[in-house]
Amino acid sequence: MAQLINGKAVAELLRTQLTKTVAAMTVKPKLSIIIVGDRPDSASYVRMKTDACKEVGIISEDLRYPATVSQSELANKITELNNDPEVNGILVQLPLPSHINESALLELVSIDKDVDGFHTVNVGKLVQNDPSRVLPCTPAGCIYLLDHYNIPIEGKRAVVIGRSNIVGIPVSLLLMQRNATVTICHSRTQHLPEILKQADIVVAACGRARMVKAEWLKPGAAVIDVGVNQIEDSSRKSGYRLVGDVDFDAAKEVVGYISPVPRGVGPMTVAMLLNNVVLLKQRAEHINFSQQALIEE
């Protein structure tokens, strides 16, 4: 039976640490969140983030716009936030309506306030392993969980399923920079079960419910499940429940460590967002603060 990687509990420990750091600050960090339209999922994510900010003492503001907002109005607001010394982090909640150019807006966010680590300069710094980089939240949370449970990375074979710019590519880079031998798999990868059988570490981020079967996994491997998928469940009031990209119930009988869905990577993503806001506040005040040191604790 695998040891459960309890992301919810680990995130709570990190939040406690961040709460102490923020409490010692004379001026509290501030996060500005831009949300467009009335998508229920986006509203839920933003509410989760603002509640987390409040818990640790970070000031947050929701800047809400109708779905018909223009590109120029959003661009002007981002420029205004960039120039506001009281704002330490800017988050543009995705997805945006189809008439908005997402990448152009994300490029407008100052690299000094880019809490998501999506700006191409921060992406380039990630590729170069530059210590001044801002790490994207979900990949950083995956590495934090591996370190918290003392799961070795150096010299191990890691397989990442998914090649998105948000999770798959950056988590692959972080694993490689920790001296893992990394294979990136995707929808066109051949012989995926055979590849996974060799993996000491698996990060599943393909967005397909229970795609990864227990018999594909190496006994004793560590599995980080990033997927969040809805499946029908008539026993639930909502009519559905959330599952990951890995067949959790079967896989837990084979592997050594596994993160559940929910209460796995999700809470760590929010905790790493808070961490980035604090990091950028301390950088703005020229306080010596190492994100990498915090991640490797």
C-alpha atoms as a PDB file:
ATOM      1  CA  MET A   1       0.000   0.000   0.000  1.00  0.00           C
ATOM      2  CA  ALA A   2       1.397   3.372  -1.061  1.00  0.00           C
ATOM      3  CA  GLN A   3       2.094   6.236   1.300  1.00  0.00           C
ATOM      4  CA  LEU A   4      -0.354   9.033   0.612  1.00  0.00           C
ATOM      5  CA  ILE A   5       1.209  12.328  -0.513  1.00  0.00           C
ATOM      6  CA  ASN A   6      -1.101  14.644   1.394  1.00  0.00           C
ATOM      7  CA  GLY A   7      -0.909  17.929  -0.490  1.00  0.00           C
ATOM      8  CA  LYS A   8      -3.572  19.528   1.692  1.00  0.00           C
ATOM      9  CA  ALA A   9      -1.575  18.923   4.877  1.00  0.00           C
ATOM     10  CA  VAL A  10       1.730  20.020   3.317  1.00  0.00           C
ATOM     11  CA  ALA A  11       0.104  23.181   1.944  1.00  0.00           C
ATOM     12  CA  GLU A  12      -1.210  24.004   5.414  1.00  0.00           C
ATOM     13  CA  LEU A  13       2.310  23.732   6.842  1.00  0.00           C
ATOM     14  CA  LEU A  14       3.623  26.083   4.145  1.00  0.00           C
ATOM     15  CA  ARG A  15       0.783  28.529   4.769  1.00  0.00           C
ATOM     16  CA  THR A  16       1.640  28.577   8.465  1.00  0.00           C
ATOM     17  CA  GLN A  17       5.235  29.422   7.613  1.00  0.00           C
ATOM     18  CA  LEU A  18       4.152  32.160   5.211  1.00  0.00           C
ATOM     19  CA  THR A  19       1.733  33.582   7.794  1.00  0.00           C
ATOM     20  CA  LYS A  20       4.634  34.121  10.190  1.00  0.00           C
ATOM     21  CA  THR A  21       6.702  35.756   7.456  1.00  0.00           C
ATOM     22  CA  VAL A  22       3.873  38.121   6.478  1.00  0.00           C
ATOM     23  CA  ALA A  23       3.085  38.961  10.110  1.00  0.00           C
ATOM     24  CA  ALA A  24       6.638  40.281  10.523  1.00  0.00           C
ATOM     25  CA  MET A  25       6.214  42.699   7.606  1.00  0.00           C
ATOM     26  CA  THR A  26       5.403  46.346   8.249  1.00  0.00           C
ATOM     27  CA  VAL A  27       3.674  46.670   4.883  1.00  0.00           C
ATOM     28  CA  LYS A  28       1.748  43.576   3.782  1.00  0.00           C
ATOM     29  CA  PRO A  29       2.105  42.069   0.290  1.00  0.00           C
ATOM     30  CA  LYS A  30      -0.712  42.773  -2.177  1.00  0.00           C
ATOM     31  CA  LEU A  31      -2.069  40.594  -4.975  1.00  0.00           C
ATOM     32  CA  SER A  32      -4.337  41.965  -7.726  1.00  0.00           C
ATOM     33  CA  ILE A  33      -6.468  39.417  -9.582  1.00  0.00           C
ATOM     34  CA  ILE A  34      -8.073  40.231 -12.929  1.00  0.00           C
ATOM     35  CA  ILE A  35     -11.150  38.118 -13.676  1.00  0.00           C
ATOM     36  CA  VAL A  36     -13.197  38.447 -16.844  1.00  0.00           C
ATOM     37  CA  GLY A  37     -16.732  37.155 -17.373  1.00  0.00           C
ATOM     38  CA  ASP A  38     -18.857  34.989 -15.115  1.00  0.00           C
ATOM     39  CA  ARG A  39     -17.480  31.474 -15.545  1.00  0.00           C
ATOM     40  CA  PRO A  40     -18.367  29.514 -12.370  1.00  0.00           C
ATOM     41  CA  ASP A  41     -15.046  27.634 -12.388  1.00  0.00           C
ATOM     42  CA  SER A  42     -13.013  30.849 -12.632  1.00  0.00           C
ATOM     43  CA  ALA A  43     -15.078  32.461  -9.864  1.00  0.00           C
ATOM     44  CA  SER A  44     -14.466  29.419  -7.669  1.00  0.00           C
ATOM     45  CA  TYR A  45     -10.699  29.474  -8.299  1.00  0.00           C
ATOM     46  CA  VAL A  46     -10.479  33.192  -7.562  1.00  0.00           C
ATOM     47  CA  ARG A  47     -12.479  32.801  -4.358  1.00  0.00           C
ATOM     48  CA  MET A  48     -10.122  30.029  -3.264  1.00  0.00           C
ATOM     49  CA  LYS A  49      -7.109  32.269  -3.921  1.00  0.00           C
ATOM     50  CA  THR A  50      -8.534  35.317  -2.147  1.00  0.00           C
ATOM     51  CA  ASP A  51      -9.522  33.214   0.882  1.00  0.00           C
ATOM     52  CA  ALA A  52      -5.990  31.804   1.019  1.00  0.00           C
ATOM     53  CA  CYS A  53      -4.513  35.311   0.834  1.00  0.00           C
ATOM     54  CA  LYS A  54      -6.691  36.449   3.719  1.00  0.00           C
ATOM     55  CA  GLU A  55      -5.623  33.453   5.790  1.00  0.00           C
ATOM     56  CA  VAL A  56      -1.914  34.299   5.587  1.00  0.00           C
ATOM     57  CA  GLY A  57      -2.324  38.096   5.781  1.00  0.00           C
ATOM     58  CA  ILE A  58      -1.798  38.996   2.108  1.00  0.00           C
ATOM     59  CA  ILE A  59      -3.978  41.828   0.809  1.00  0.00           C
ATOM     60  CA  SER A  60      -5.905  40.820  -2.304  1.00  0.00           C
ATOM     61  CA  GLU A  61      -8.264  42.582  -4.657  1.00  0.00           C
ATOM     62  CA  ASP A  62     -10.556  41.181  -7.355  1.00  0.00           C
ATOM     63  CA  LEU A  63     -10.794  43.334 -10.452  1.00  0.00           C
ATOM     64  CA  ARG A  64     -13.863  42.044 -12.261  1.00  0.00           C
ATOM     65  CA  TYR A  65     -14.735  42.813 -15.872  1.00  0.00           C
ATOM     66  CA  PRO A  66     -17.646  41.771 -18.106  1.00  0.00           C
ATOM     67  CA  ALA A  67     -17.007  39.198 -20.827  1.00  0.00           C
ATOM     68  CA  THR A  68     -17.334  41.998 -23.380  1.00  0.00           C
ATOM     69  CA  VAL A  69     -14.338  43.947 -22.026  1.00  0.00           C
ATOM     70  CA  SER A  70     -11.859  45.131 -24.642  1.00  0.00           C
ATOM     71  CA  GLN A  71      -8.226  44.115 -24.981  1.00  0.00           C
ATOM     72  CA  SER A  72      -7.143  47.723 -24.535  1.00  0.00           C
ATOM     73  CA  GLU A  73      -9.068  48.197 -21.280  1.00  0.00           C
ATOM     74  CA  LEU A  74      -7.422  45.133 -19.750  1.00  0.00           C
ATOM     75  CA  ALA A  75      -4.024  46.188 -21.076  1.00  0.00           C
ATOM     76  CA  ASN A  76      -4.432  49.639 -19.543  1.00  0.00           C
ATOM     77  CA  LYS A  77      -5.331  48.122 -16.169  1.00  0.00           C
ATOM     78  CA  ILE A  78      -2.271  45.839 -16.218  1.00  0.00           C
ATOM     79  CA  THR A  79      -0.052  48.821 -17.033  1.00  0.00           C
ATOM     80  CA  GLU A  80      -1.621  50.718 -14.131  1.00  0.00           C
ATOM     81  CA  LEU A  81      -0.968  47.804 -11.769  1.00  0.00           C
ATOM     82  CA  ASN A  82       2.609  47.492 -13.017  1.00  0.00           C
ATOM     83  CA  ASN A  83       3.176  51.118 -12.008  1.00  0.00           C
ATOM     84  CA  ASP A  84       1.460  50.811  -8.616  1.00  0.00           C
ATOM     85  CA  PRO A  85       4.162  50.343  -5.940  1.00  0.00           C
ATOM     86  CA  GLU A  86       1.599  48.882  -3.516  1.00  0.00           C
ATOM     87  CA  VAL A  87       0.878  45.921  -5.837  1.00  0.00           C
ATOM     88  CA  ASN A  88       3.378  43.062  -5.588  1.00  0.00           C
ATOM     89  CA  GLY A  89       1.649  40.447  -7.696  1.00  0.00           C
ATOM     90  CA  ILE A  90      -0.647  40.486 -10.736  1.00  0.00           C
ATOM     91  CA  LEU A  91      -2.673  37.415 -11.680  1.00  0.00           C
ATOM     92  CA  VAL A  92      -4.780  37.209 -14.834  1.00  0.00           C
ATOM     93  CA  GLN A  93      -7.325  34.442 -14.264  1.00  0.00           C
ATOM     94  CA  LEU A  94      -7.499  32.162 -17.286  1.00  0.00           C
ATOM     95  CA  PRO A  95      -9.193  31.324 -19.558  1.00  0.00           C
ATOM     96  CA  LEU A  96     -10.195  34.644 -21.112  1.00  0.00           C
ATOM     97  CA  PRO A  97     -12.954  35.188 -23.708  1.00  0.00           C
ATOM     98  CA  SER A  98     -12.007  34.240 -27.267  1.00  0.00           C
ATOM     99  CA  HIS A  99     -11.729  37.836 -28.467  1.00  0.00           C
ATOM    100  CA  ILE A 100      -8.930  38.539 -25.960  1.00  0.00           C
ATOM    101  CA  ASN A 101      -5.329  37.733 -26.850  1.00  0.00           C
ATOM    102  CA  GLU A 102      -4.214  35.917 -23.686  1.00  0.00           C
ATOM    103  CA  SER A 103      -0.522  35.704 -24.502  1.00  0.00           C
ATOM    104  CA  ALA A 104      -0.318  39.419 -25.322  1.00  0.00           C
ATOM    105  CA  LEU A 105      -1.880  40.326 -21.983  1.00  0.00           C
ATOM    106  CA  LEU A 106       0.367  37.980 -20.000  1.00  0.00           C
ATOM    107  CA  GLU A 107       3.400  39.546 -21.681  1.00  0.00           C
ATOM    108  CA  LEU A 108       2.310  42.957 -20.373  1.00  0.00           C
ATOM    109  CA  VAL A 109       2.575  41.824 -16.739  1.00  0.00           C
ATOM    110  CA  SER A 110       5.849  43.052 -15.239  1.00  0.00           C
ATOM    111  CA  ILE A 111       8.293  40.195 -14.610  1.00  0.00           C
ATOM    112  CA  ASP A 112       8.653  41.675 -11.109  1.00  0.00           C
ATOM    113  CA  LYS A 113       4.924  41.058 -10.478  1.00  0.00           C
ATOM    114  CA  ASP A 114       4.421  37.850 -12.481  1.00  0.00           C
ATOM    115  CA  VAL A 115       3.156  35.530  -9.735  1.00  0.00           C
ATOM    116  CA  ASP A 116       2.291  32.760 -12.207  1.00  0.00           C
ATOM    117  CA  GLY A 117       5.736  32.684 -13.814  1.00  0.00           C
ATOM    118  CA  PHE A 118       4.103  32.814 -17.264  1.00  0.00           C
ATOM    119  CA  HIS A 119       6.050  35.749 -18.735  1.00  0.00           C
ATOM    120  CA  THR A 120       8.508  34.663 -21.431  1.00  0.00           C
ATOM    121  CA  VAL A 121      11.387  36.235 -19.480  1.00  0.00           C
ATOM    122  CA  ASN A 122      10.569  34.088 -16.443  1.00  0.00           C
ATOM    123  CA  VAL A 123      10.156  31.069 -18.728  1.00  0.00           C
ATOM    124  CA  GLY A 124      13.593  31.787 -20.182  1.00  0.00           C
ATOM    125  CA  LYS A 125      15.067  32.121 -16.698  1.00  0.00           C
ATOM    126  CA  LEU A 126      13.517  28.768 -15.811  1.00  0.00           C
ATOM    127  CA  VAL A 127      15.183  27.170 -18.832  1.00  0.00           C
ATOM    128  CA  GLN A 128      18.527  28.726 -17.836  1.00  0.00           C
ATOM    129  CA  ASN A 129      18.067  27.719 -14.172  1.00  0.00           C
ATOM    130  CA  ASP A 130      18.470  31.387 -13.239  1.00  0.00           C
ATOM    131  CA  PRO A 131      18.022  31.840  -9.465  1.00  0.00           C
ATOM    132  CA  SER A 132      16.034  35.053 -10.023  1.00  0.00           C
ATOM    133  CA  ARG A 133      13.265  33.170 -11.841  1.00  0.00           C
ATOM    134  CA  VAL A 134       9.689  33.029 -10.585  1.00  0.00           C
ATOM    135  CA  LEU A 135       8.563  29.404 -10.663  1.00  0.00           C
ATOM    136  CA  PRO A 136       5.121  28.486 -12.041  1.00  0.00           C
ATOM    137  CA  CYS A 137       2.924  27.425  -9.164  1.00  0.00           C
ATOM    138  CA  THR A 138       1.817  23.888 -10.018  1.00  0.00           C
ATOM    139  CA  PRO A 139       5.254  22.591 -11.119  1.00  0.00           C
ATOM    140  CA  ALA A 140       6.830  24.180  -8.040  1.00  0.00           C
ATOM    141  CA  GLY A 141       4.201  22.469  -5.882  1.00  0.00           C
ATOM    142  CA  CYS A 142       5.026  19.082  -7.434  1.00  0.00           C
ATOM    143  CA  ILE A 143       8.715  19.441  -6.582  1.00  0.00           C
ATOM    144  CA  TYR A 144       7.894  20.706  -3.091  1.00  0.00           C
ATOM    145  CA  LEU A 145       5.834  17.571  -2.431  1.00  0.00           C
ATOM    146  CA  LEU A 146       8.624  15.263  -3.582  1.00  0.00           C
ATOM    147  CA  ASP A 147      11.073  17.063  -1.310  1.00  0.00           C
ATOM    148  CA  HIS A 148       8.713  17.122   1.665  1.00  0.00           C
ATOM    149  CA  TYR A 149       8.376  13.344   1.537  1.00  0.00           C
ATOM    150  CA  ASN A 150      12.134  12.909   1.021  1.00  0.00           C
ATOM    151  CA  ILE A 151      11.601  11.230  -2.329  1.00  0.00           C
ATOM    152  CA  PRO A 152      14.970  11.196  -4.134  1.00  0.00           C
ATOM    153  CA  ILE A 153      15.120  13.015  -7.465  1.00  0.00           C
ATOM    154  CA  GLU A 154      18.802  13.006  -8.358  1.00  0.00           C
ATOM    155  CA  GLY A 155      19.761  10.127 -10.623  1.00  0.00           C
ATOM    156  CA  LYS A 156      16.193   8.838 -10.851  1.00  0.00           C
ATOM    157  CA  ARG A 157      14.167   8.194 -13.990  1.00  0.00           C
ATOM    158  CA  ALA A 158      11.197  10.542 -14.207  1.00  0.00           C
ATOM    159  CA  VAL A 159       8.357  10.402 -16.724  1.00  0.00           C
ATOM    160  CA  VAL A 160       6.107  13.420 -17.249  1.00  0.00           C
ATOM    161  CA  ILE A 161       2.852  12.754 -19.091  1.00  0.00           C
ATOM    162  CA  GLY A 162       1.792  16.003 -20.738  1.00  0.00           C
ATOM    163  CA  ARG A 163       3.719  18.745 -22.507  1.00  0.00           C
ATOM    164  CA  SER A 164       1.750  21.899 -21.660  1.00  0.00           C
ATOM    165  CA  ASN A 165       3.570  25.156 -21.026  1.00  0.00           C
ATOM    166  CA  ILE A 166       1.794  25.438 -17.671  1.00  0.00           C
ATOM    167  CA  VAL A 167       2.732  22.062 -16.132  1.00  0.00           C
ATOM    168  CA  GLY A 168       4.409  19.462 -18.340  1.00  0.00           C
ATOM    169  CA  ILE A 169       7.333  21.410 -19.768  1.00  0.00           C
ATOM    170  CA  PRO A 170       8.228  23.408 -16.627  1.00  0.00           C
ATOM    171  CA  VAL A 171       8.022  20.430 -14.248  1.00  0.00           C
ATOM    172  CA  SER A 172      10.245  18.482 -16.661  1.00  0.00           C
ATOM    173  CA  LEU A 173      12.822  21.277 -16.518  1.00  0.00           C
ATOM    174  CA  LEU A 174      12.707  21.399 -12.716  1.00  0.00           C
ATOM    175  CA  LEU A 175      13.214  17.634 -12.482  1.00  0.00           C
ATOM    176  CA  MET A 176      16.077  17.755 -14.976  1.00  0.00           C
ATOM    177  CA  GLN A 177      17.721  20.603 -13.038  1.00  0.00           C
ATOM    178  CA  ARG A 178      17.621  18.314  -9.993  1.00  0.00           C
ATOM    179  CA  ASN A 179      19.556  15.716 -12.008  1.00  0.00           C
ATOM    180  CA  ALA A 180      16.720  13.372 -12.872  1.00  0.00           C
ATOM    181  CA  THR A 181      16.698  11.668 -16.263  1.00  0.00           C
ATOM    182  CA  VAL A 182      13.432  12.928 -17.739  1.00  0.00           C
ATOM    183  CA  THR A 183      11.165  11.553 -20.460  1.00  0.00           C
ATOM    184  CA  ILE A 184       8.228  13.669 -21.659  1.00  0.00           C
ATOM    185  CA  CYS A 185       5.278  11.680 -22.990  1.00  0.00           C
ATOM    186  CA  HIS A 186       2.131  12.923 -24.751  1.00  0.00           C
ATOM    187  CA  SER A 187      -0.829  11.848 -26.861  1.00  0.00           C
ATOM    188  CA  ARG A 188       1.391  10.570 -29.682  1.00  0.00           C
ATOM    189  CA  THR A 189       3.896   8.703 -27.541  1.00  0.00           C
ATOM    190  CA  GLN A 190       4.227   5.060 -28.507  1.00  0.00           C
ATOM    191  CA  HIS A 191       4.637   2.259 -25.960  1.00  0.00           C
ATOM    192  CA  LEU A 192       3.661   4.446 -22.994  1.00  0.00           C
ATOM    193  CA  PRO A 193       3.124   1.514 -20.581  1.00  0.00           C
ATOM    194  CA  GLU A 194       6.642   0.228 -21.256  1.00  0.00           C
ATOM    195  CA  ILE A 195       8.122   3.681 -20.686  1.00  0.00           C
ATOM    196  CA  LEU A 196       6.233   4.148 -17.423  1.00  0.00           C
ATOM    197  CA  LYS A 197       7.403   0.759 -16.152  1.00  0.00           C
ATOM    198  CA  GLN A 198      10.924   2.232 -15.947  1.00  0.00           C
ATOM    199  CA  ALA A 199       9.939   5.399 -14.078  1.00  0.00           C
ATOM    200  CA  ASP A 200      10.895   6.022 -10.460  1.00  0.00           C
ATOM    201  CA  ILE A 201       8.887   9.260 -10.553  1.00  0.00           C
ATOM    202  CA  VAL A 202       5.710   9.860 -12.571  1.00  0.00           C
ATOM    203  CA  VAL A 203       4.039  13.243 -12.993  1.00  0.00           C
ATOM    204  CA  ALA A 204       0.672  12.775 -14.708  1.00  0.00           C
ATOM    205  CA  ALA A 205      -0.659  15.959 -16.295  1.00  0.00           C
ATOM    206  CA  CYS A 206      -2.500  14.854 -19.413  1.00  0.00           C
ATOM    207  CA  GLY A 207      -6.090  15.703 -18.455  1.00  0.00           C
ATOM    208  CA  ARG A 208      -7.589  12.270 -19.123  1.00  0.00           C
ATOM    209  CA  ALA A 209      -9.486  10.608 -16.300  1.00  0.00           C
ATOM    210  CA  ARG A 210      -7.773   7.470 -14.931  1.00  0.00           C
ATOM    211  CA  MET A 211      -5.722   7.045 -18.088  1.00  0.00           C
ATOM    212  CA  VAL A 212      -2.659   5.710 -16.262  1.00  0.00           C
ATOM    213  CA  LYS A 213      -3.257   2.118 -15.190  1.00  0.00           C
ATOM    214  CA  ALA A 214      -1.715   0.404 -12.177  1.00  0.00           C
ATOM    215  CA  GLU A 215      -0.083  -2.278 -14.294  1.00  0.00           C
ATOM    216  CA  TRP A 216       1.832   0.408 -16.200  1.00  0.00           C
ATOM    217  CA  LEU A 217       3.589   1.616 -13.050  1.00  0.00           C
ATOM    218  CA  LYS A 218       6.831   0.447 -11.487  1.00  0.00           C
ATOM    219  CA  PRO A 219       6.406  -1.053  -8.003  1.00  0.00           C
ATOM    220  CA  GLY A 220       7.536   1.477  -5.408  1.00  0.00           C
ATOM    221  CA  ALA A 221       7.433   4.474  -7.781  1.00  0.00           C
ATOM    222  CA  ALA A 222       6.374   7.953  -6.650  1.00  0.00           C
ATOM    223  CA  VAL A 223       3.320   9.276  -8.507  1.00  0.00           C
ATOM    224  CA  ILE A 224       2.276  12.938  -8.581  1.00  0.00           C
ATOM    225  CA  ASP A 225      -1.188  13.225 -10.132  1.00  0.00           C
ATOM    226  CA  VAL A 226      -1.865  16.724 -11.468  1.00  0.00           C
ATOM    227  CA  GLY A 227      -5.040  15.813 -13.363  1.00  0.00           C
ATOM    228  CA  VAL A 228      -8.458  17.082 -12.283  1.00  0.00           C
ATOM    229  CA  ASN A 229     -11.287  15.404 -14.196  1.00  0.00           C
ATOM    230  CA  GLN A 230     -15.033  15.174 -13.599  1.00  0.00           C
ATOM    231  CA  ILE A 231     -16.747  11.809 -13.844  1.00  0.00           C
ATOM    232  CA  GLU A 232     -20.392  10.997 -13.280  1.00  0.00           C
ATOM    233  CA  ASP A 233     -21.343   9.861  -9.788  1.00  0.00           C
ATOM    234  CA  SER A 234     -25.052   9.573  -9.037  1.00  0.00           C
ATOM    235  CA  SER A 235     -24.316   9.124  -5.324  1.00  0.00           C
ATOM    236  CA  ARG A 236     -23.087  12.735  -5.115  1.00  0.00           C
ATOM    237  CA  LYS A 237     -25.426  15.708  -4.851  1.00  0.00           C
ATOM    238  CA  SER A 238     -23.521  17.384  -7.658  1.00  0.00           C
ATOM    239  CA  GLY A 239     -23.871  14.338  -9.871  1.00  0.00           C
ATOM    240  CA  TYR A 240     -20.137  14.061 -10.366  1.00  0.00           C
ATOM    241  CA  ARG A 241     -16.842  13.646  -8.545  1.00  0.00           C
ATOM    242  CA  LEU A 242     -13.242  14.549  -9.248  1.00  0.00           C
ATOM    243  CA  VAL A 243     -10.581  12.015 -10.206  1.00  0.00           C
ATOM    244  CA  GLY A 244      -7.010  12.305 -11.429  1.00  0.00           C
ATOM    245  CA  ASP A 245      -5.188  11.077 -14.501  1.00  0.00           C
ATOM    246  CA  VAL A 246      -4.118   7.944 -12.607  1.00  0.00           C
ATOM    247  CA  ASP A 247      -6.353   5.048 -11.592  1.00  0.00           C
ATOM    248  CA  PHE A 248      -5.772   5.853  -7.927  1.00  0.00           C
ATOM    249  CA  ASP A 249      -7.524   2.914  -6.245  1.00  0.00           C
ATOM    250  CA  ALA A 250      -5.564   0.331  -8.232  1.00  0.00           C
ATOM    251  CA  ALA A 251      -2.273   2.253  -8.381  1.00  0.00           C
ATOM    252  CA  LYS A 252      -2.031   2.732  -4.610  1.00  0.00           C
ATOM    253  CA  GLU A 253      -1.621  -1.040  -4.283  1.00  0.00           C
ATOM    254  CA  VAL A 254       1.479  -0.975  -6.517  1.00  0.00           C
ATOM    255  CA  VAL A 255       3.436   2.272  -6.076  1.00  0.00           C
ATOM    256  CA  GLY A 256       5.361   3.585  -3.078  1.00  0.00           C
ATOM    257  CA  TYR A 257       3.913   7.114  -2.970  1.00  0.00           C
ATOM    258  CA  ILE A 258       0.886   8.673  -4.636  1.00  0.00           C
ATOM    259  CA  SER A 259      -0.956  11.994  -4.458  1.00  0.00           C
ATOM    260  CA  PRO A 260      -4.764  11.859  -4.408  1.00  0.00           C
ATOM    261  CA  VAL A 261      -7.269  13.954  -6.338  1.00  0.00           C
ATOM    262  CA  PRO A 262      -8.560  16.078  -4.741  1.00  0.00           C
ATOM    263  CA  ARG A 263      -6.325  17.109  -1.768  1.00  0.00           C
ATOM    264  CA  GLY A 264      -3.106  16.493  -3.651  1.00  0.00           C
ATOM    265  CA  VAL A 265      -1.432  18.954  -5.985  1.00  0.00           C
ATOM    266  CA  GLY A 266      -4.319  21.447  -6.014  1.00  0.00           C
ATOM    267  CA  PRO A 267      -3.738  22.891  -2.524  1.00  0.00           C
ATOM    268  CA  MET A 268      -0.010  23.120  -3.276  1.00  0.00           C
ATOM    269  CA  THR A 269      -0.681  25.232  -6.357  1.00  0.00           C
ATOM    270  CA  VAL A 270      -2.462  27.822  -4.217  1.00  0.00           C
ATOM    271  CA  ALA A 271       0.239  27.670  -1.519  1.00  0.00           C
ATOM    272  CA  MET A 272       2.978  28.261  -4.095  1.00  0.00           C
ATOM    273  CA  LEU A 273       1.013  31.243  -5.435  1.00  0.00           C
ATOM    274  CA  LEU A 274       1.086  32.746  -1.938  1.00  0.00           C
ATOM    275  CA  ASN A 275       4.777  31.932  -1.749  1.00  0.00           C
ATOM    276  CA  ASN A 276       5.394  33.823  -5.002  1.00  0.00           C
ATOM    277  CA  VAL A 277       3.533  36.909  -3.749  1.00  0.00           C
ATOM    278  CA  VAL A 278       5.703  36.974  -0.626  1.00  0.00           C
ATOM    279  CA  LEU A 279       8.821  36.367  -2.712  1.00  0.00           C
ATOM    280  CA  LEU A 280       8.064  39.304  -5.010  1.00  0.00           C
ATOM    281  CA  LYS A 281       7.261  41.583  -2.077  1.00  0.00           C
ATOM    282  CA  GLN A 282      10.579  40.764  -0.438  1.00  0.00           C
ATOM    283  CA  ARG A 283      12.452  41.227  -3.692  1.00  0.00           C
ATOM    284  CA  ALA A 284      10.826  44.638  -4.111  1.00  0.00           C
ATOM    285  CA  GLU A 285      12.133  45.567  -0.667  1.00  0.00           C
ATOM    286  CA  HIS A 286      15.540  43.983  -1.400  1.00  0.00           C
ATOM    287  CA  ILE A 287      15.095  41.425   1.356  1.00  0.00           C
ATOM    288  CA  ASN A 288      17.205  38.289   0.946  1.00  0.00           C
ATOM    289  CA  PHE A 289      14.693  35.533   0.264  1.00  0.00           C
ATOM    290  CA  SER A 290      15.455  32.368  -1.688  1.00  0.00           C
ATOM    291  CA  GLN A 291      12.487  30.672  -3.277  1.00  0.00           C
ATOM    292  CA  GLN A 292      14.614  27.670  -4.134  1.00  0.00           C
ATOM    293  CA  ALA A 293      15.723  27.315  -0.512  1.00  0.00           C
ATOM    294  CA  LEU A 294      12.111  27.326   0.582  1.00  0.00           C
ATOM    295  CA  ILE A 295      11.140  24.712  -2.018  1.00  0.00           C
ATOM    296  CA  GLU A 296      13.955  22.419  -0.989  1.00  0.00           C
ATOM    297  CA  GLU A 297      13.206  22.518   2.738  1.00  0.00           C
END
